[in-house]
Amino acid sequence: MTELLEQAVQTARKLPAEMQDELARLMLTYAGRDAQVIDLTPEEEADLIEAQAEMKRGDFATDDEVEAVLSRFRL
């Protein structure tokens, strides 16, 4: 284990268990050992599938639609 990875592990040990598990999932995914980073609810999975289909069809927001949404958050 490299010194940097050892340092990261030592730091992670001080985190709450839930955060440690999230980091572990991310590391395993990055290392190619685990394909799923998060668990989706059936509704979230359906939304994701629909979003992917929209992307394939080229259904994207127009510049005006994006600007309308972003303008609500500007000061």
PDB file of N, CA and C in Angstrom:
ATOM      1  N   MET A   1       0.850  -1.171   0.000  1.00  0.00           N
ATOM      2  CA  MET A   1       0.000   0.000   0.000  1.00  0.00           C
ATOM      3  C   MET A   1       0.896   1.234   0.000  1.00  0.00           C
ATOM      4  N   THR A   2       0.528   2.208  -0.832  1.00  0.00           N
ATOM      5  CA  THR A   2       1.329   3.424  -0.877  1.00  0.00           C
ATOM      6  C   THR A   2       1.096   4.251   0.381  1.00  0.00           C
ATOM      7  N   GLU A   3       2.012   5.167   0.625  1.00  0.00           N
ATOM      8  CA  GLU A   3       1.896   6.043   1.796  1.00  0.00           C
ATOM      9  C   GLU A   3       0.629   6.903   1.714  1.00  0.00           C
ATOM     10  N   LEU A   4       0.324   7.374   0.517  1.00  0.00           N
ATOM     11  CA  LEU A   4      -0.864   8.214   0.355  1.00  0.00           C
ATOM     12  C   LEU A   4      -2.140   7.419   0.627  1.00  0.00           C
ATOM     13  N   LEU A   5      -2.209   6.187   0.123  1.00  0.00           N
ATOM     14  CA  LEU A   5      -3.387   5.364   0.372  1.00  0.00           C
ATOM     15  C   LEU A   5      -3.498   5.028   1.856  1.00  0.00           C
ATOM     16  N   GLU A   6      -2.385   4.738   2.497  1.00  0.00           N
ATOM     17  CA  GLU A   6      -2.390   4.471   3.941  1.00  0.00           C
ATOM     18  C   GLU A   6      -2.908   5.691   4.709  1.00  0.00           C
ATOM     19  N   GLN A   7      -2.495   6.866   4.297  1.00  0.00           N
ATOM     20  CA  GLN A   7      -2.955   8.101   4.929  1.00  0.00           C
ATOM     21  C   GLN A   7      -4.468   8.269   4.738  1.00  0.00           C
ATOM     22  N   ALA A   8      -4.951   7.963   3.543  1.00  0.00           N
ATOM     23  CA  ALA A   8      -6.382   8.064   3.268  1.00  0.00           C
ATOM     24  C   ALA A   8      -7.170   7.078   4.121  1.00  0.00           C
ATOM     25  N   VAL A   9      -6.668   5.868   4.273  1.00  0.00           N
ATOM     26  CA  VAL A   9      -7.341   4.855   5.084  1.00  0.00           C
ATOM     27  C   VAL A   9      -7.372   5.288   6.552  1.00  0.00           C
ATOM     28  N   GLN A  10      -6.284   5.808   7.033  1.00  0.00           N
ATOM     29  CA  GLN A  10      -6.237   6.281   8.423  1.00  0.00           C
ATOM     30  C   GLN A  10      -7.249   7.401   8.647  1.00  0.00           C
ATOM     31  N   THR A  11      -7.364   8.283   7.686  1.00  0.00           N
ATOM     32  CA  THR A  11      -8.331   9.375   7.781  1.00  0.00           C
ATOM     33  C   THR A  11      -9.758   8.834   7.734  1.00  0.00           C
ATOM     34  N   ALA A  12      -9.996   7.872   6.843  1.00  0.00           N
ATOM     35  CA  ALA A  12     -11.330   7.288   6.700  1.00  0.00           C
ATOM     36  C   ALA A  12     -11.763   6.561   7.970  1.00  0.00           C
ATOM     37  N   ARG A  13     -10.830   5.978   8.687  1.00  0.00           N
ATOM     38  CA  ARG A  13     -11.174   5.261   9.924  1.00  0.00           C
ATOM     39  C   ARG A  13     -11.818   6.167  10.960  1.00  0.00           C
ATOM     40  N   LYS A  14     -11.576   7.456  10.873  1.00  0.00           N
ATOM     41  CA  LYS A  14     -12.119   8.416  11.832  1.00  0.00           C
ATOM     42  C   LYS A  14     -13.525   8.886  11.454  1.00  0.00           C
ATOM     43  N   LEU A  15     -13.983   8.510  10.274  1.00  0.00           N
ATOM     44  CA  LEU A  15     -15.296   8.938   9.800  1.00  0.00           C
ATOM     45  C   LEU A  15     -16.391   8.026  10.349  1.00  0.00           C
ATOM     46  N   PRO A  16     -17.626   8.514  10.347  1.00  0.00           N
ATOM     47  CA  PRO A  16     -18.750   7.655  10.747  1.00  0.00           C
ATOM     48  C   PRO A  16     -18.851   6.442   9.818  1.00  0.00           C
ATOM     49  N   ALA A  17     -19.435   5.356  10.324  1.00  0.00           N
ATOM     50  CA  ALA A  17     -19.519   4.098   9.586  1.00  0.00           C
ATOM     51  C   ALA A  17     -20.171   4.275   8.215  1.00  0.00           C
ATOM     52  N   GLU A  18     -21.228   5.072   8.141  1.00  0.00           N
ATOM     53  CA  GLU A  18     -21.922   5.272   6.863  1.00  0.00           C
ATOM     54  C   GLU A  18     -21.002   5.893   5.820  1.00  0.00           C
ATOM     55  N   MET A  19     -20.203   6.866   6.225  1.00  0.00           N
ATOM     56  CA  MET A  19     -19.262   7.495   5.291  1.00  0.00           C
ATOM     57  C   MET A  19     -18.149   6.528   4.910  1.00  0.00           C
ATOM     58  N   GLN A  20     -17.715   5.696   5.860  1.00  0.00           N
ATOM     59  CA  GLN A  20     -16.700   4.702   5.549  1.00  0.00           C
ATOM     60  C   GLN A  20     -17.215   3.730   4.491  1.00  0.00           C
ATOM     61  N   ASP A  21     -18.464   3.302   4.646  1.00  0.00           N
ATOM     62  CA  ASP A  21     -19.043   2.391   3.659  1.00  0.00           C
ATOM     63  C   ASP A  21     -19.143   3.046   2.287  1.00  0.00           C
ATOM     64  N   GLU A  22     -19.518   4.300   2.250  1.00  0.00           N
ATOM     65  CA  GLU A  22     -19.616   5.007   0.968  1.00  0.00           C
ATOM     66  C   GLU A  22     -18.245   5.097   0.299  1.00  0.00           C
ATOM     67  N   LEU A  23     -17.232   5.431   1.067  1.00  0.00           N
ATOM     68  CA  LEU A  23     -15.868   5.476   0.521  1.00  0.00           C
ATOM     69  C   LEU A  23     -15.431   4.097   0.025  1.00  0.00           C
ATOM     70  N   ALA A  24     -15.766   3.066   0.772  1.00  0.00           N
ATOM     71  CA  ALA A  24     -15.399   1.706   0.360  1.00  0.00           C
ATOM     72  C   ALA A  24     -16.063   1.345  -0.961  1.00  0.00           C
ATOM     73  N   ARG A  25     -17.351   1.696  -1.100  1.00  0.00           N
ATOM     74  CA  ARG A  25     -18.039   1.408  -2.369  1.00  0.00           C
ATOM     75  C   ARG A  25     -17.384   2.147  -3.524  1.00  0.00           C
ATOM     76  N   LEU A  26     -17.033   3.399  -3.304  1.00  0.00           N
ATOM     77  CA  LEU A  26     -16.385   4.177  -4.363  1.00  0.00           C
ATOM     78  C   LEU A  26     -15.031   3.581  -4.732  1.00  0.00           C
ATOM     79  N   MET A  27     -14.261   3.187  -3.746  1.00  0.00           N
ATOM     80  CA  MET A  27     -12.953   2.590  -4.020  1.00  0.00           C
ATOM     81  C   MET A  27     -13.097   1.284  -4.793  1.00  0.00           C
ATOM     82  N   LEU A  28     -14.047   0.449  -4.384  1.00  0.00           N
ATOM     83  CA  LEU A  28     -14.248  -0.823  -5.073  1.00  0.00           C
ATOM     84  C   LEU A  28     -14.707  -0.609  -6.512  1.00  0.00           C
ATOM     85  N   THR A  29     -15.559   0.353  -6.708  1.00  0.00           N
ATOM     86  CA  THR A  29     -16.008   0.664  -8.068  1.00  0.00           C
ATOM     87  C   THR A  29     -14.840   1.175  -8.901  1.00  0.00           C
ATOM     88  N   TYR A  30     -14.071   2.075  -8.343  1.00  0.00           N
ATOM     89  CA  TYR A  30     -12.924   2.628  -9.065  1.00  0.00           C
ATOM     90  C   TYR A  30     -11.918   1.538  -9.414  1.00  0.00           C
ATOM     91  N   ALA A  31     -11.752   0.588  -8.515  1.00  0.00           N
ATOM     92  CA  ALA A  31     -10.796  -0.496  -8.741  1.00  0.00           C
ATOM     93  C   ALA A  31     -11.369  -1.588  -9.641  1.00  0.00           C
ATOM     94  N   GLY A  32     -12.640  -1.444 -10.043  1.00  0.00           N
ATOM     95  CA  GLY A  32     -13.233  -2.406 -10.952  1.00  0.00           C
ATOM     96  C   GLY A  32     -13.743  -3.664 -10.287  1.00  0.00           C
ATOM     97  N   ARG A  33     -13.921  -3.650  -8.993  1.00  0.00           N
ATOM     98  CA  ARG A  33     -14.368  -4.837  -8.267  1.00  0.00           C
ATOM     99  C   ARG A  33     -15.863  -4.848  -7.996  1.00  0.00           C
ATOM    100  N   ASP A  34     -16.496  -3.703  -8.110  1.00  0.00           N
ATOM    101  CA  ASP A  34     -17.915  -3.600  -7.771  1.00  0.00           C
ATOM    102  C   ASP A  34     -18.539  -2.629  -8.760  1.00  0.00           C
ATOM    103  N   ALA A  35     -19.601  -3.031  -9.410  1.00  0.00           N
ATOM    104  CA  ALA A  35     -20.196  -2.207 -10.457  1.00  0.00           C
ATOM    105  C   ALA A  35     -21.176  -1.167  -9.934  1.00  0.00           C
ATOM    106  N   GLN A  36     -21.719  -1.357  -8.750  1.00  0.00           N
ATOM    107  CA  GLN A  36     -22.762  -0.465  -8.279  1.00  0.00           C
ATOM    108  C   GLN A  36     -22.254   0.405  -7.138  1.00  0.00           C
ATOM    109  N   VAL A  37     -22.359   1.725  -7.303  1.00  0.00           N
ATOM    110  CA  VAL A  37     -21.908   2.659  -6.285  1.00  0.00           C
ATOM    111  C   VAL A  37     -23.029   2.939  -5.287  1.00  0.00           C
ATOM    112  N   ILE A  38     -24.234   3.085  -5.775  1.00  0.00           N
ATOM    113  CA  ILE A  38     -25.371   3.376  -4.903  1.00  0.00           C
ATOM    114  C   ILE A  38     -26.533   2.453  -5.260  1.00  0.00           C
ATOM    115  N   ASP A  39     -27.395   2.267  -4.312  1.00  0.00           N
ATOM    116  CA  ASP A  39     -28.602   1.487  -4.544  1.00  0.00           C
ATOM    117  C   ASP A  39     -29.721   2.433  -4.927  1.00  0.00           C
ATOM    118  N   LEU A  40     -30.363   2.179  -6.048  1.00  0.00           N
ATOM    119  CA  LEU A  40     -31.476   2.999  -6.501  1.00  0.00           C
ATOM    120  C   LEU A  40     -32.793   2.362  -6.103  1.00  0.00           C
ATOM    121  N   THR A  41     -33.753   3.217  -5.776  1.00  0.00           N
ATOM    122  CA  THR A  41     -35.100   2.715  -5.557  1.00  0.00           C
ATOM    123  C   THR A  41     -35.675   2.366  -6.930  1.00  0.00           C
ATOM    124  N   PRO A  42     -36.744   1.588  -6.985  1.00  0.00           N
ATOM    125  CA  PRO A  42     -37.356   1.288  -8.281  1.00  0.00           C
ATOM    126  C   PRO A  42     -37.761   2.567  -9.034  1.00  0.00           C
ATOM    127  N   GLU A  43     -38.251   3.558  -8.313  1.00  0.00           N
ATOM    128  CA  GLU A  43     -38.637   4.824  -8.954  1.00  0.00           C
ATOM    129  C   GLU A  43     -37.417   5.544  -9.527  1.00  0.00           C
ATOM    130  N   GLU A  44     -36.322   5.581  -8.770  1.00  0.00           N
ATOM    131  CA  GLU A  44     -35.102   6.228  -9.246  1.00  0.00           C
ATOM    132  C   GLU A  44     -34.543   5.500 -10.468  1.00  0.00           C
ATOM    133  N   GLU A  45     -34.600   4.174 -10.437  1.00  0.00           N
ATOM    134  CA  GLU A  45     -34.110   3.395 -11.570  1.00  0.00           C
ATOM    135  C   GLU A  45     -34.942   3.672 -12.821  1.00  0.00           C
ATOM    136  N   ALA A  46     -36.269   3.765 -12.660  1.00  0.00           N
ATOM    137  CA  ALA A  46     -37.143   4.079 -13.790  1.00  0.00           C
ATOM    138  C   ALA A  46     -36.837   5.478 -14.334  1.00  0.00           C
ATOM    139  N   ASP A  47     -36.600   6.434 -13.439  1.00  0.00           N
ATOM    140  CA  ASP A  47     -36.250   7.793 -13.860  1.00  0.00           C
ATOM    141  C   ASP A  47     -34.934   7.796 -14.638  1.00  0.00           C
ATOM    142  N   LEU A  48     -33.970   7.025 -14.172  1.00  0.00           N
ATOM    143  CA  LEU A  48     -32.676   6.947 -14.846  1.00  0.00           C
ATOM    144  C   LEU A  48     -32.825   6.344 -16.234  1.00  0.00           C
ATOM    145  N   ILE A  49     -33.602   5.284 -16.341  1.00  0.00           N
ATOM    146  CA  ILE A  49     -33.824   4.644 -17.640  1.00  0.00           C
ATOM    147  C   ILE A  49     -34.490   5.628 -18.599  1.00  0.00           C
ATOM    148  N   GLU A  50     -35.476   6.367 -18.104  1.00  0.00           N
ATOM    149  CA  GLU A  50     -36.148   7.373 -18.945  1.00  0.00           C
ATOM    150  C   GLU A  50     -35.177   8.477 -19.357  1.00  0.00           C
ATOM    151  N   ALA A  51     -34.335   8.926 -18.441  1.00  0.00           N
ATOM    152  CA  ALA A  51     -33.355   9.966 -18.765  1.00  0.00           C
ATOM    153  C   ALA A  51     -32.378   9.477 -19.833  1.00  0.00           C
ATOM    154  N   GLN A  52     -31.954   8.228 -19.736  1.00  0.00           N
ATOM    155  CA  GLN A  52     -31.051   7.682 -20.743  1.00  0.00           C
ATOM    156  C   GLN A  52     -31.737   7.599 -22.103  1.00  0.00           C
ATOM    157  N   ALA A  53     -33.014   7.241 -22.112  1.00  0.00           N
ATOM    158  CA  ALA A  53     -33.770   7.187 -23.373  1.00  0.00           C
ATOM    159  C   ALA A  53     -33.912   8.588 -23.963  1.00  0.00           C
ATOM    160  N   GLU A  54     -34.156   9.582 -23.119  1.00  0.00           N
ATOM    161  CA  GLU A  54     -34.250  10.967 -23.594  1.00  0.00           C
ATOM    162  C   GLU A  54     -32.931  11.409 -24.223  1.00  0.00           C
ATOM    163  N   MET A  55     -31.828  11.031 -23.608  1.00  0.00           N
ATOM    164  CA  MET A  55     -30.522  11.405 -24.160  1.00  0.00           C
ATOM    165  C   MET A  55     -30.314  10.762 -25.519  1.00  0.00           C
ATOM    166  N   LYS A  56     -30.683   9.494 -25.662  1.00  0.00           N
ATOM    167  CA  LYS A  56     -30.537   8.810 -26.957  1.00  0.00           C
ATOM    168  C   LYS A  56     -31.375   9.487 -28.039  1.00  0.00           C
ATOM    169  N   ARG A  57     -32.564   9.987 -27.638  1.00  0.00           N
ATOM    170  CA  ARG A  57     -33.442  10.659 -28.597  1.00  0.00           C
ATOM    171  C   ARG A  57     -32.997  12.095 -28.872  1.00  0.00           C
ATOM    172  N   GLY A  58     -32.084  12.597 -28.071  1.00  0.00           N
ATOM    173  CA  GLY A  58     -31.635  13.977 -28.232  1.00  0.00           C
ATOM    174  C   GLY A  58     -32.575  14.984 -27.598  1.00  0.00           C
ATOM    175  N   ASP A  59     -33.370  14.530 -26.651  1.00  0.00           N
ATOM    176  CA  ASP A  59     -34.305  15.413 -25.955  1.00  0.00           C
ATOM    177  C   ASP A  59     -33.583  16.157 -24.840  1.00  0.00           C
ATOM    178  N   PHE A  60     -33.053  17.323 -25.178  1.00  0.00           N
ATOM    179  CA  PHE A  60     -32.339  18.135 -24.202  1.00  0.00           C
ATOM    180  C   PHE A  60     -33.045  19.470 -24.034  1.00  0.00           C
ATOM    181  N   ALA A  61     -32.840  20.088 -22.884  1.00  0.00           N
ATOM    182  CA  ALA A  61     -33.411  21.408 -22.639  1.00  0.00           C
ATOM    183  C   ALA A  61     -32.764  22.417 -23.579  1.00  0.00           C
ATOM    184  N   THR A  62     -33.561  23.395 -24.001  1.00  0.00           N
ATOM    185  CA  THR A  62     -33.024  24.465 -24.846  1.00  0.00           C
ATOM    186  C   THR A  62     -32.216  25.418 -23.960  1.00  0.00           C
ATOM    187  N   ASP A  63     -31.429  26.270 -24.586  1.00  0.00           N
ATOM    188  CA  ASP A  63     -30.667  27.263 -23.831  1.00  0.00           C
ATOM    189  C   ASP A  63     -31.602  28.152 -23.018  1.00  0.00           C
ATOM    190  N   ASP A  64     -32.736  28.515 -23.581  1.00  0.00           N
ATOM    191  CA  ASP A  64     -33.699  29.365 -22.868  1.00  0.00           C
ATOM    192  C   ASP A  64     -34.274  28.646 -21.648  1.00  0.00           C
ATOM    193  N   GLU A  65     -34.557  27.353 -21.772  1.00  0.00           N
ATOM    194  CA  GLU A  65     -35.076  26.580 -20.640  1.00  0.00           C
ATOM    195  C   GLU A  65     -34.043  26.476 -19.529  1.00  0.00           C
ATOM    196  N   VAL A  66     -32.809  26.251 -19.887  1.00  0.00           N
ATOM    197  CA  VAL A  66     -31.734  26.185 -18.899  1.00  0.00           C
ATOM    198  C   VAL A  66     -31.571  27.530 -18.213  1.00  0.00           C
ATOM    199  N   GLU A  67     -31.574  28.587 -18.984  1.00  0.00           N
ATOM    200  CA  GLU A  67     -31.431  29.935 -18.424  1.00  0.00           C
ATOM    201  C   GLU A  67     -32.573  30.254 -17.462  1.00  0.00           C
ATOM    202  N   ALA A  68     -33.791  29.843 -17.802  1.00  0.00           N
ATOM    203  CA  ALA A  68     -34.946  30.099 -16.933  1.00  0.00           C
ATOM    204  C   ALA A  68     -34.767  29.427 -15.573  1.00  0.00           C
ATOM    205  N   VAL A  69     -34.244  28.218 -15.570  1.00  0.00           N
ATOM    206  CA  VAL A  69     -34.024  27.507 -14.305  1.00  0.00           C
ATOM    207  C   VAL A  69     -32.884  28.154 -13.528  1.00  0.00           C
ATOM    208  N   LEU A  70     -31.768  28.422 -14.192  1.00  0.00           N
ATOM    209  CA  LEU A  70     -30.609  28.987 -13.506  1.00  0.00           C
ATOM    210  C   LEU A  70     -30.884  30.382 -12.962  1.00  0.00           C
ATOM    211  N   SER A  71     -31.701  31.140 -13.648  1.00  0.00           N
ATOM    212  CA  SER A  71     -31.978  32.510 -13.219  1.00  0.00           C
ATOM    213  C   SER A  71     -32.666  32.552 -11.851  1.00  0.00           C
ATOM    214  N   ARG A  72     -33.344  31.495 -11.490  1.00  0.00           N
ATOM    215  CA  ARG A  72     -34.014  31.434 -10.172  1.00  0.00           C
ATOM    216  C   ARG A  72     -33.008  31.359  -9.033  1.00  0.00           C
ATOM    217  N   PHE A  73     -31.790  30.938  -9.314  1.00  0.00           N
ATOM    218  CA  PHE A  73     -30.798  30.733  -8.256  1.00  0.00           C
ATOM    219  C   PHE A  73     -29.734  31.811  -8.218  1.00  0.00           C
ATOM    220  N   ARG A  74     -29.790  32.726  -9.131  1.00  0.00           N
ATOM    221  CA  ARG A  74     -28.809  33.822  -9.141  1.00  0.00           C
ATOM    222  C   ARG A  74     -29.232  34.919  -8.192  1.00  0.00           C
ATOM    223  N   LEU A  75     -28.252  35.543  -7.598  1.00  0.00           N
ATOM    224  CA  LEU A  75     -28.530  36.670  -6.689  1.00  0.00           C
ATOM    225  C   LEU A  75     -28.675  37.960  -7.428  1.00  0.00           C
TER     226      LEU A  75
END
